[in-house]
Amino acid sequence: MYLTLLIKTRMAKNLTAVRGLATASMQPCANSSPSLAGVTRAVSRFVCHSDLYEMDLQIDLNTELFPLQRNDKFSLVLAWTLNLDATPGSEKYDADFPAISGRRTLMDNYDYVMYGKVFKYKDNNMKVEVYISFGGLLMKLAGDPVKLEPIEVDSNIYLLLKKL
């Protein structure tokens, strides 16, 4: 199953956290170890809105890999599998899967892909908030409970982004 959104960025906020790590409350952490080698500092938190689906999004992205500016539009897909025929994939992430298998996957159609886990689902009757961690890069998606109902806590999920 896939959830596809067309989204427009509203604002960006640079995070100075190590590897973009932030607390579950969606506040940036302080830079606690600036001397680590190979740690990216190019992480920004974007606040976005989808007019078509009436959803709000806050997401941390590596802006070296997926640069976004204010008012940029992009497509966001949440998927439980990368297989084009929607058959279940492995329970474990395998970075070599597309290269080894030679098959086309959803990743072929997108510019930026992350693999993560749903860690919180908050139902406020009128709006649902879903929190997902992608190795410390966080996402909060808020919207219609009917559209977000299939998402469950502790499920693994792929995030795929493409600029429009």
N, C-alpha and C. Protein backbone atom coordinates (compact mmCIF):
# COMPACT_ATOMS: atom_id res chain seq x y z
N MET A 1 0.83 -1.18 0.00
CA MET A 1 0.00 0.00 0.00
C MET A 1 0.87 1.24 0.00
N TYR A 2 0.43 2.27 -0.69
CA TYR A 2 1.19 3.50 -0.80
C TYR A 2 0.32 4.68 -0.40
N LEU A 3 0.97 5.69 0.18
CA LEU A 3 0.32 6.96 0.47
C LEU A 3 1.12 8.01 -0.28
N THR A 4 0.51 8.70 -1.22
CA THR A 4 1.20 9.69 -2.04
C THR A 4 0.63 11.07 -1.74
N LEU A 5 1.52 12.04 -1.53
CA LEU A 5 1.12 13.42 -1.26
C LEU A 5 1.86 14.36 -2.18
N LEU A 6 1.22 15.44 -2.60
CA LEU A 6 1.88 16.53 -3.30
C LEU A 6 2.02 17.65 -2.30
N ILE A 7 3.25 18.10 -2.08
CA ILE A 7 3.53 18.99 -0.95
C ILE A 7 4.32 20.21 -1.40
N LYS A 8 4.10 21.33 -0.69
CA LYS A 8 4.83 22.56 -0.93
C LYS A 8 5.50 22.98 0.38
N THR A 9 6.79 23.31 0.30
CA THR A 9 7.51 23.72 1.51
C THR A 9 7.07 25.12 1.90
N ARG A 10 6.97 25.32 3.21
CA ARG A 10 6.62 26.65 3.72
C ARG A 10 7.85 27.36 4.28
N MET A 11 8.66 26.63 5.01
CA MET A 11 9.87 27.24 5.56
C MET A 11 10.87 26.15 5.90
N ALA A 12 12.13 26.55 6.03
CA ALA A 12 13.19 25.62 6.39
C ALA A 12 13.93 26.17 7.59
N LYS A 13 14.40 25.27 8.40
CA LYS A 13 15.16 25.66 9.59
C LYS A 13 16.38 24.75 9.65
N ASN A 14 17.58 25.34 9.59
CA ASN A 14 18.78 24.54 9.67
C ASN A 14 18.94 23.98 11.07
N LEU A 15 19.24 22.70 11.14
CA LEU A 15 19.51 22.07 12.42
C LEU A 15 21.01 21.99 12.60
N THR A 16 21.48 22.30 13.78
CA THR A 16 22.91 22.20 14.05
C THR A 16 23.21 20.97 14.88
N ALA A 17 22.34 20.03 14.83
CA ALA A 17 22.50 18.81 15.63
C ALA A 17 23.43 17.83 14.92
N VAL A 18 24.07 17.00 15.71
CA VAL A 18 24.93 15.97 15.16
C VAL A 18 24.08 15.01 14.34
N ARG A 19 24.42 14.81 13.09
CA ARG A 19 23.70 13.96 12.15
C ARG A 19 22.22 14.30 12.09
N GLY A 20 21.83 15.48 12.48
CA GLY A 20 20.44 15.87 12.38
C GLY A 20 19.56 15.25 13.44
N LEU A 21 20.16 14.69 14.51
CA LEU A 21 19.36 14.06 15.54
C LEU A 21 18.54 15.10 16.28
N ALA A 22 17.31 14.78 16.54
CA ALA A 22 16.43 15.67 17.29
C ALA A 22 15.60 14.84 18.25
N THR A 23 15.04 15.47 19.25
CA THR A 23 14.26 14.73 20.23
C THR A 23 12.88 14.40 19.66
N ALA A 24 12.19 13.51 20.31
CA ALA A 24 10.87 13.09 19.84
C ALA A 24 9.86 14.23 19.85
N SER A 25 10.14 15.28 20.60
CA SER A 25 9.22 16.41 20.63
C SER A 25 9.42 17.34 19.43
N MET A 26 10.27 16.93 18.50
CA MET A 26 10.54 17.66 17.27
C MET A 26 11.30 18.96 17.48
N GLN A 27 12.03 19.09 18.58
CA GLN A 27 12.87 20.25 18.81
C GLN A 27 14.32 19.88 18.49
N PRO A 28 15.09 20.78 17.88
CA PRO A 28 16.48 20.45 17.58
C PRO A 28 17.31 20.26 18.83
N CYS A 29 18.25 19.32 18.75
CA CYS A 29 19.18 19.10 19.86
C CYS A 29 20.35 20.05 19.73
N ALA A 30 21.07 20.22 20.81
CA ALA A 30 22.28 21.02 20.77
C ALA A 30 23.38 20.20 20.12
N ASN A 31 24.32 20.88 19.51
CA ASN A 31 25.46 20.21 18.90
C ASN A 31 26.38 19.73 20.01
N SER A 32 26.41 18.42 20.22
CA SER A 32 27.12 17.91 21.38
C SER A 32 28.50 17.36 21.07
N SER A 33 28.83 17.18 19.81
CA SER A 33 30.13 16.60 19.49
C SER A 33 30.62 17.10 18.13
N PRO A 34 31.07 18.34 18.06
CA PRO A 34 31.42 18.92 16.78
C PRO A 34 32.66 18.33 16.13
N SER A 35 33.43 17.54 16.85
CA SER A 35 34.69 17.05 16.29
C SER A 35 34.56 15.69 15.62
N LEU A 36 33.35 15.12 15.53
CA LEU A 36 33.19 13.83 14.87
C LEU A 36 33.50 13.95 13.39
N ALA A 37 34.32 13.03 12.88
CA ALA A 37 34.67 13.05 11.45
C ALA A 37 33.55 12.42 10.63
N GLY A 38 33.31 12.94 9.46
CA GLY A 38 32.36 12.35 8.53
C GLY A 38 30.91 12.58 8.88
N VAL A 39 30.62 13.46 9.81
CA VAL A 39 29.24 13.72 10.20
C VAL A 39 28.71 14.87 9.36
N THR A 40 27.54 14.67 8.77
CA THR A 40 26.98 15.72 7.93
C THR A 40 26.31 16.79 8.78
N ARG A 41 26.46 18.00 8.37
CA ARG A 41 25.80 19.13 9.04
C ARG A 41 24.71 19.69 8.13
N ALA A 42 24.51 19.08 6.98
CA ALA A 42 23.57 19.61 6.00
C ALA A 42 22.18 19.03 6.21
N VAL A 43 21.64 19.23 7.40
CA VAL A 43 20.30 18.76 7.70
C VAL A 43 19.43 19.96 8.04
N SER A 44 18.27 20.00 7.42
CA SER A 44 17.32 21.07 7.71
C SER A 44 15.97 20.47 8.00
N ARG A 45 15.22 21.15 8.85
CA ARG A 45 13.84 20.75 9.12
C ARG A 45 12.94 21.61 8.25
N PHE A 46 12.08 20.96 7.50
CA PHE A 46 11.16 21.66 6.61
C PHE A 46 9.74 21.55 7.15
N VAL A 47 9.02 22.65 7.10
CA VAL A 47 7.62 22.69 7.48
C VAL A 47 6.85 22.85 6.17
N CYS A 48 5.96 21.89 5.90
CA CYS A 48 5.30 21.82 4.59
C CYS A 48 3.80 21.60 4.76
N HIS A 49 3.09 21.82 3.66
CA HIS A 49 1.65 21.61 3.66
C HIS A 49 1.21 21.07 2.31
N SER A 50 0.28 20.15 2.34
CA SER A 50 -0.34 19.62 1.13
C SER A 50 -1.75 20.16 1.03
N ASP A 51 -1.99 21.05 0.06
CA ASP A 51 -3.34 21.60 -0.12
C ASP A 51 -4.30 20.52 -0.61
N LEU A 52 -3.83 19.67 -1.50
CA LEU A 52 -4.68 18.64 -2.09
C LEU A 52 -5.18 17.65 -1.04
N TYR A 53 -4.31 17.24 -0.12
CA TYR A 53 -4.68 16.23 0.88
C TYR A 53 -4.91 16.83 2.27
N GLU A 54 -4.76 18.16 2.40
CA GLU A 54 -4.95 18.84 3.69
C GLU A 54 -4.14 18.18 4.79
N MET A 55 -2.82 18.05 4.56
CA MET A 55 -1.92 17.47 5.54
C MET A 55 -0.77 18.42 5.79
N ASP A 56 -0.27 18.39 7.02
CA ASP A 56 0.89 19.17 7.41
C ASP A 56 2.05 18.21 7.64
N LEU A 57 3.24 18.66 7.28
CA LEU A 57 4.43 17.83 7.37
C LEU A 57 5.57 18.62 7.95
N GLN A 58 6.28 18.01 8.90
CA GLN A 58 7.56 18.51 9.36
C GLN A 58 8.54 17.37 9.10
N ILE A 59 9.63 17.68 8.42
CA ILE A 59 10.56 16.61 8.05
C ILE A 59 11.99 17.12 8.06
N ASP A 60 12.89 16.28 8.56
CA ASP A 60 14.32 16.55 8.53
C ASP A 60 14.88 15.89 7.27
N LEU A 61 15.62 16.67 6.47
CA LEU A 61 16.20 16.14 5.24
C LEU A 61 17.66 16.53 5.13
N ASN A 62 18.45 15.66 4.52
CA ASN A 62 19.83 15.98 4.20
C ASN A 62 19.80 16.85 2.94
N THR A 63 20.10 18.13 3.10
CA THR A 63 19.97 19.06 1.99
C THR A 63 21.12 18.98 1.00
N GLU A 64 22.16 18.22 1.33
CA GLU A 64 23.19 17.96 0.33
C GLU A 64 22.67 16.96 -0.70
N LEU A 65 21.85 16.02 -0.25
CA LEU A 65 21.31 14.99 -1.14
C LEU A 65 19.99 15.40 -1.79
N PHE A 66 19.20 16.18 -1.08
CA PHE A 66 17.89 16.60 -1.59
C PHE A 66 17.68 18.07 -1.23
N PRO A 67 18.28 18.99 -2.00
CA PRO A 67 18.14 20.41 -1.67
C PRO A 67 16.72 20.91 -1.94
N LEU A 68 16.18 21.62 -0.98
CA LEU A 68 14.84 22.22 -1.10
C LEU A 68 14.93 23.68 -0.69
N GLN A 69 14.11 24.47 -1.31
CA GLN A 69 13.99 25.88 -0.97
C GLN A 69 12.53 26.16 -0.61
N ARG A 70 12.30 27.31 -0.01
CA ARG A 70 10.93 27.71 0.30
C ARG A 70 10.10 27.75 -0.98
N ASN A 71 8.87 27.26 -0.89
CA ASN A 71 7.91 27.19 -1.98
C ASN A 71 8.21 26.12 -3.03
N ASP A 72 9.23 25.30 -2.83
CA ASP A 72 9.44 24.16 -3.72
C ASP A 72 8.30 23.18 -3.54
N LYS A 73 7.95 22.49 -4.63
CA LYS A 73 6.91 21.47 -4.56
C LYS A 73 7.56 20.11 -4.80
N PHE A 74 7.06 19.11 -4.08
CA PHE A 74 7.59 17.76 -4.25
C PHE A 74 6.50 16.75 -3.97
N SER A 75 6.74 15.56 -4.47
CA SER A 75 5.83 14.43 -4.23
C SER A 75 6.45 13.58 -3.14
N LEU A 76 5.63 13.15 -2.20
CA LEU A 76 6.07 12.30 -1.10
C LEU A 76 5.25 11.02 -1.14
N VAL A 77 5.94 9.88 -1.05
CA VAL A 77 5.26 8.60 -1.00
C VAL A 77 5.74 7.86 0.23
N LEU A 78 4.81 7.30 0.99
CA LEU A 78 5.13 6.38 2.08
C LEU A 78 4.75 4.99 1.58
N ALA A 79 5.69 4.06 1.64
CA ALA A 79 5.45 2.72 1.11
C ALA A 79 5.98 1.67 2.07
N TRP A 80 5.30 0.54 2.09
CA TRP A 80 5.72 -0.58 2.94
C TRP A 80 6.64 -1.52 2.19
N THR A 81 6.75 -1.34 0.88
CA THR A 81 7.62 -2.16 0.04
C THR A 81 8.15 -1.31 -1.10
N LEU A 82 9.28 -1.70 -1.65
CA LEU A 82 9.82 -1.01 -2.82
C LEU A 82 9.44 -1.72 -4.11
N ASN A 83 8.81 -2.88 -4.00
CA ASN A 83 8.43 -3.65 -5.18
C ASN A 83 7.31 -2.94 -5.93
N LEU A 84 7.46 -2.83 -7.24
CA LEU A 84 6.45 -2.14 -8.05
C LEU A 84 5.11 -2.85 -8.05
N ASP A 85 5.12 -4.17 -7.86
CA ASP A 85 3.86 -4.92 -7.84
C ASP A 85 3.25 -4.96 -6.44
N ALA A 86 3.84 -4.22 -5.50
CA ALA A 86 3.36 -4.08 -4.11
C ALA A 86 3.45 -5.37 -3.30
N THR A 87 4.20 -6.36 -3.78
CA THR A 87 4.40 -7.55 -2.97
C THR A 87 5.33 -7.21 -1.82
N PRO A 88 5.14 -7.85 -0.68
CA PRO A 88 5.97 -7.53 0.48
C PRO A 88 7.45 -7.76 0.21
N GLY A 89 8.25 -6.90 0.77
CA GLY A 89 9.69 -7.05 0.66
C GLY A 89 10.22 -7.73 1.90
N SER A 90 11.51 -7.69 2.06
CA SER A 90 12.16 -8.27 3.22
C SER A 90 11.83 -7.45 4.46
N GLU A 91 11.85 -8.10 5.62
CA GLU A 91 11.64 -7.39 6.88
C GLU A 91 12.84 -6.51 7.23
N LYS A 92 13.97 -6.77 6.61
CA LYS A 92 15.19 -6.01 6.89
C LYS A 92 15.57 -5.21 5.66
N TYR A 93 16.09 -4.01 5.90
CA TYR A 93 16.55 -3.16 4.81
C TYR A 93 17.80 -3.74 4.19
N ASP A 94 17.88 -3.78 2.88
CA ASP A 94 19.05 -4.26 2.16
C ASP A 94 19.42 -3.23 1.11
N ALA A 95 20.49 -2.48 1.36
CA ALA A 95 20.89 -1.41 0.46
C ALA A 95 21.29 -1.94 -0.91
N ASP A 96 21.72 -3.20 -1.01
CA ASP A 96 22.14 -3.78 -2.28
C ASP A 96 20.98 -4.38 -3.07
N PHE A 97 19.79 -4.44 -2.52
CA PHE A 97 18.66 -5.11 -3.16
C PHE A 97 18.47 -4.72 -4.62
N PRO A 98 18.34 -3.42 -4.95
CA PRO A 98 18.08 -3.07 -6.35
C PRO A 98 19.23 -3.46 -7.27
N ALA A 99 20.45 -3.27 -6.82
CA ALA A 99 21.61 -3.57 -7.66
C ALA A 99 21.76 -5.08 -7.88
N ILE A 100 21.52 -5.87 -6.86
CA ILE A 100 21.67 -7.32 -6.97
C ILE A 100 20.54 -7.94 -7.78
N SER A 101 19.34 -7.52 -7.53
CA SER A 101 18.19 -8.15 -8.18
C SER A 101 18.05 -7.77 -9.65
N GLY A 102 18.51 -6.57 -10.01
CA GLY A 102 18.36 -6.10 -11.37
C GLY A 102 16.94 -5.68 -11.72
N ARG A 103 16.02 -5.80 -10.76
CA ARG A 103 14.63 -5.40 -11.00
C ARG A 103 14.45 -3.92 -10.75
N ARG A 104 13.46 -3.37 -11.42
CA ARG A 104 13.10 -1.98 -11.16
C ARG A 104 12.31 -1.93 -9.85
N THR A 105 12.48 -0.85 -9.12
CA THR A 105 11.76 -0.66 -7.87
C THR A 105 11.18 0.76 -7.84
N LEU A 106 10.43 1.06 -6.81
CA LEU A 106 9.91 2.42 -6.63
C LEU A 106 11.04 3.45 -6.58
N MET A 107 12.21 3.04 -6.07
CA MET A 107 13.33 3.97 -5.95
C MET A 107 13.75 4.54 -7.30
N ASP A 108 13.52 3.81 -8.38
CA ASP A 108 13.91 4.28 -9.71
C ASP A 108 13.15 5.53 -10.13
N ASN A 109 12.02 5.78 -9.52
CA ASN A 109 11.17 6.92 -9.90
C ASN A 109 11.31 8.12 -8.98
N TYR A 110 12.19 8.05 -7.99
CA TYR A 110 12.30 9.12 -6.99
C TYR A 110 13.74 9.57 -6.81
N ASP A 111 13.89 10.79 -6.25
CA ASP A 111 15.20 11.40 -6.09
C ASP A 111 15.83 11.12 -4.73
N TYR A 112 15.02 10.81 -3.73
CA TYR A 112 15.52 10.70 -2.35
C TYR A 112 14.68 9.64 -1.65
N VAL A 113 15.35 8.68 -1.03
CA VAL A 113 14.65 7.57 -0.37
C VAL A 113 15.25 7.38 1.02
N MET A 114 14.37 7.19 2.01
CA MET A 114 14.81 6.86 3.37
C MET A 114 13.99 5.67 3.87
N TYR A 115 14.59 4.92 4.79
CA TYR A 115 13.94 3.75 5.39
C TYR A 115 13.86 4.01 6.89
N GLY A 116 12.68 3.84 7.47
CA GLY A 116 12.55 4.15 8.88
C GLY A 116 11.48 3.34 9.58
N LYS A 117 11.16 3.80 10.79
CA LYS A 117 10.20 3.09 11.63
C LYS A 117 9.24 4.09 12.26
N VAL A 118 7.96 3.73 12.25
CA VAL A 118 6.94 4.54 12.90
C VAL A 118 7.08 4.34 14.40
N PHE A 119 7.28 5.44 15.14
CA PHE A 119 7.46 5.29 16.58
C PHE A 119 6.34 5.90 17.42
N LYS A 120 5.44 6.65 16.77
CA LYS A 120 4.35 7.24 17.55
C LYS A 120 3.18 7.54 16.62
N TYR A 121 1.98 7.28 17.11
CA TYR A 121 0.74 7.55 16.38
C TYR A 121 -0.19 8.21 17.38
N LYS A 122 -0.55 9.45 17.13
CA LYS A 122 -1.36 10.22 18.07
C LYS A 122 -2.67 10.59 17.40
N ASP A 123 -3.77 10.09 17.95
CA ASP A 123 -5.09 10.34 17.38
C ASP A 123 -5.81 11.41 18.19
N ASN A 124 -6.11 12.52 17.54
CA ASN A 124 -6.82 13.63 18.19
C ASN A 124 -8.23 13.75 17.64
N ASN A 125 -8.82 12.65 17.21
CA ASN A 125 -10.16 12.58 16.62
C ASN A 125 -10.25 13.31 15.28
N MET A 126 -10.04 14.60 15.25
CA MET A 126 -10.15 15.38 14.02
C MET A 126 -8.89 15.28 13.16
N LYS A 127 -7.74 15.03 13.80
CA LYS A 127 -6.47 14.97 13.10
C LYS A 127 -5.61 13.90 13.75
N VAL A 128 -4.85 13.21 12.93
CA VAL A 128 -3.92 12.19 13.40
C VAL A 128 -2.51 12.70 13.15
N GLU A 129 -1.60 12.41 14.09
CA GLU A 129 -0.19 12.74 13.91
C GLU A 129 0.59 11.44 13.89
N VAL A 130 1.41 11.27 12.87
CA VAL A 130 2.26 10.09 12.73
C VAL A 130 3.71 10.55 12.80
N TYR A 131 4.49 9.91 13.67
CA TYR A 131 5.90 10.25 13.85
C TYR A 131 6.74 9.07 13.36
N ILE A 132 7.73 9.37 12.50
CA ILE A 132 8.59 8.35 11.94
C ILE A 132 10.04 8.80 12.09
N SER A 133 10.90 7.85 12.46
CA SER A 133 12.33 8.13 12.56
C SER A 133 13.06 7.40 11.43
N PHE A 134 13.87 8.14 10.72
CA PHE A 134 14.70 7.58 9.65
C PHE A 134 16.15 7.68 10.11
N GLY A 135 16.53 6.81 11.02
CA GLY A 135 17.90 6.83 11.54
C GLY A 135 18.24 8.12 12.25
N GLY A 136 17.27 8.76 12.86
CA GLY A 136 17.49 10.01 13.59
C GLY A 136 16.94 11.23 12.87
N LEU A 137 16.71 11.14 11.57
CA LEU A 137 16.01 12.21 10.86
C LEU A 137 14.53 11.96 11.08
N LEU A 138 13.85 12.95 11.61
CA LEU A 138 12.47 12.75 12.04
C LEU A 138 11.45 13.34 11.07
N MET A 139 10.27 12.75 11.09
CA MET A 139 9.17 13.24 10.30
C MET A 139 7.90 13.20 11.14
N LYS A 140 7.10 14.25 11.01
CA LYS A 140 5.76 14.28 11.64
C LYS A 140 4.78 14.63 10.53
N LEU A 141 3.81 13.76 10.33
CA LEU A 141 2.78 13.97 9.33
C LEU A 141 1.45 14.05 10.05
N ALA A 142 0.71 15.13 9.83
CA ALA A 142 -0.57 15.33 10.51
C ALA A 142 -1.66 15.54 9.46
N GLY A 143 -2.76 14.80 9.65
CA GLY A 143 -3.84 14.95 8.69
C GLY A 143 -5.05 14.10 9.03
N ASP A 144 -5.86 13.87 8.03
CA ASP A 144 -7.11 13.14 8.13
C ASP A 144 -6.88 11.71 8.63
N PRO A 145 -7.57 11.30 9.70
CA PRO A 145 -7.40 9.95 10.24
C PRO A 145 -7.68 8.85 9.21
N VAL A 146 -8.61 9.08 8.30
CA VAL A 146 -8.94 8.06 7.30
C VAL A 146 -7.75 7.80 6.37
N LYS A 147 -7.06 8.84 5.97
CA LYS A 147 -5.92 8.69 5.06
C LYS A 147 -4.70 8.09 5.75
N LEU A 148 -4.55 8.33 7.05
CA LEU A 148 -3.37 7.86 7.76
C LEU A 148 -3.63 6.60 8.59
N GLU A 149 -4.84 6.09 8.54
CA GLU A 149 -5.22 4.93 9.33
C GLU A 149 -4.35 3.70 9.10
N PRO A 150 -3.91 3.41 7.87
CA PRO A 150 -3.13 2.18 7.64
C PRO A 150 -1.75 2.18 8.31
N ILE A 151 -1.28 3.34 8.74
CA ILE A 151 0.05 3.43 9.34
C ILE A 151 -0.03 2.99 10.80
N GLU A 152 0.85 2.06 11.18
CA GLU A 152 0.85 1.51 12.53
C GLU A 152 2.20 1.71 13.20
N VAL A 153 2.18 1.89 14.52
CA VAL A 153 3.40 2.01 15.30
C VAL A 153 4.22 0.73 15.16
N ASP A 154 5.52 0.89 15.12
CA ASP A 154 6.52 -0.18 14.99
C ASP A 154 6.60 -0.77 13.59
N SER A 155 5.86 -0.23 12.63
CA SER A 155 6.00 -0.74 11.26
C SER A 155 7.15 -0.03 10.56
N ASN A 156 7.85 -0.79 9.71
CA ASN A 156 8.92 -0.23 8.91
C ASN A 156 8.30 0.40 7.66
N ILE A 157 8.92 1.49 7.20
CA ILE A 157 8.31 2.26 6.11
C ILE A 157 9.38 2.92 5.28
N TYR A 158 9.12 3.04 4.00
CA TYR A 158 10.00 3.77 3.09
C TYR A 158 9.37 5.13 2.80
N LEU A 159 10.21 6.15 2.74
CA LEU A 159 9.82 7.49 2.35
C LEU A 159 10.51 7.77 1.03
N LEU A 160 9.77 8.16 0.02
CA LEU A 160 10.32 8.47 -1.30
C LEU A 160 9.90 9.87 -1.68
N LEU A 161 10.86 10.69 -2.12
CA LEU A 161 10.60 12.08 -2.48
C LEU A 161 11.06 12.36 -3.90
N LYS A 162 10.32 13.22 -4.57
CA LYS A 162 10.70 13.66 -5.92
C LYS A 162 10.25 15.10 -6.10
N LYS A 163 11.17 15.95 -6.57
CA LYS A 163 10.80 17.33 -6.84
C LYS A 163 9.90 17.40 -8.05
N LEU A 164 8.96 18.34 -8.00
CA LEU A 164 8.04 18.54 -9.13
C LEU A 164 8.45 19.77 -9.93
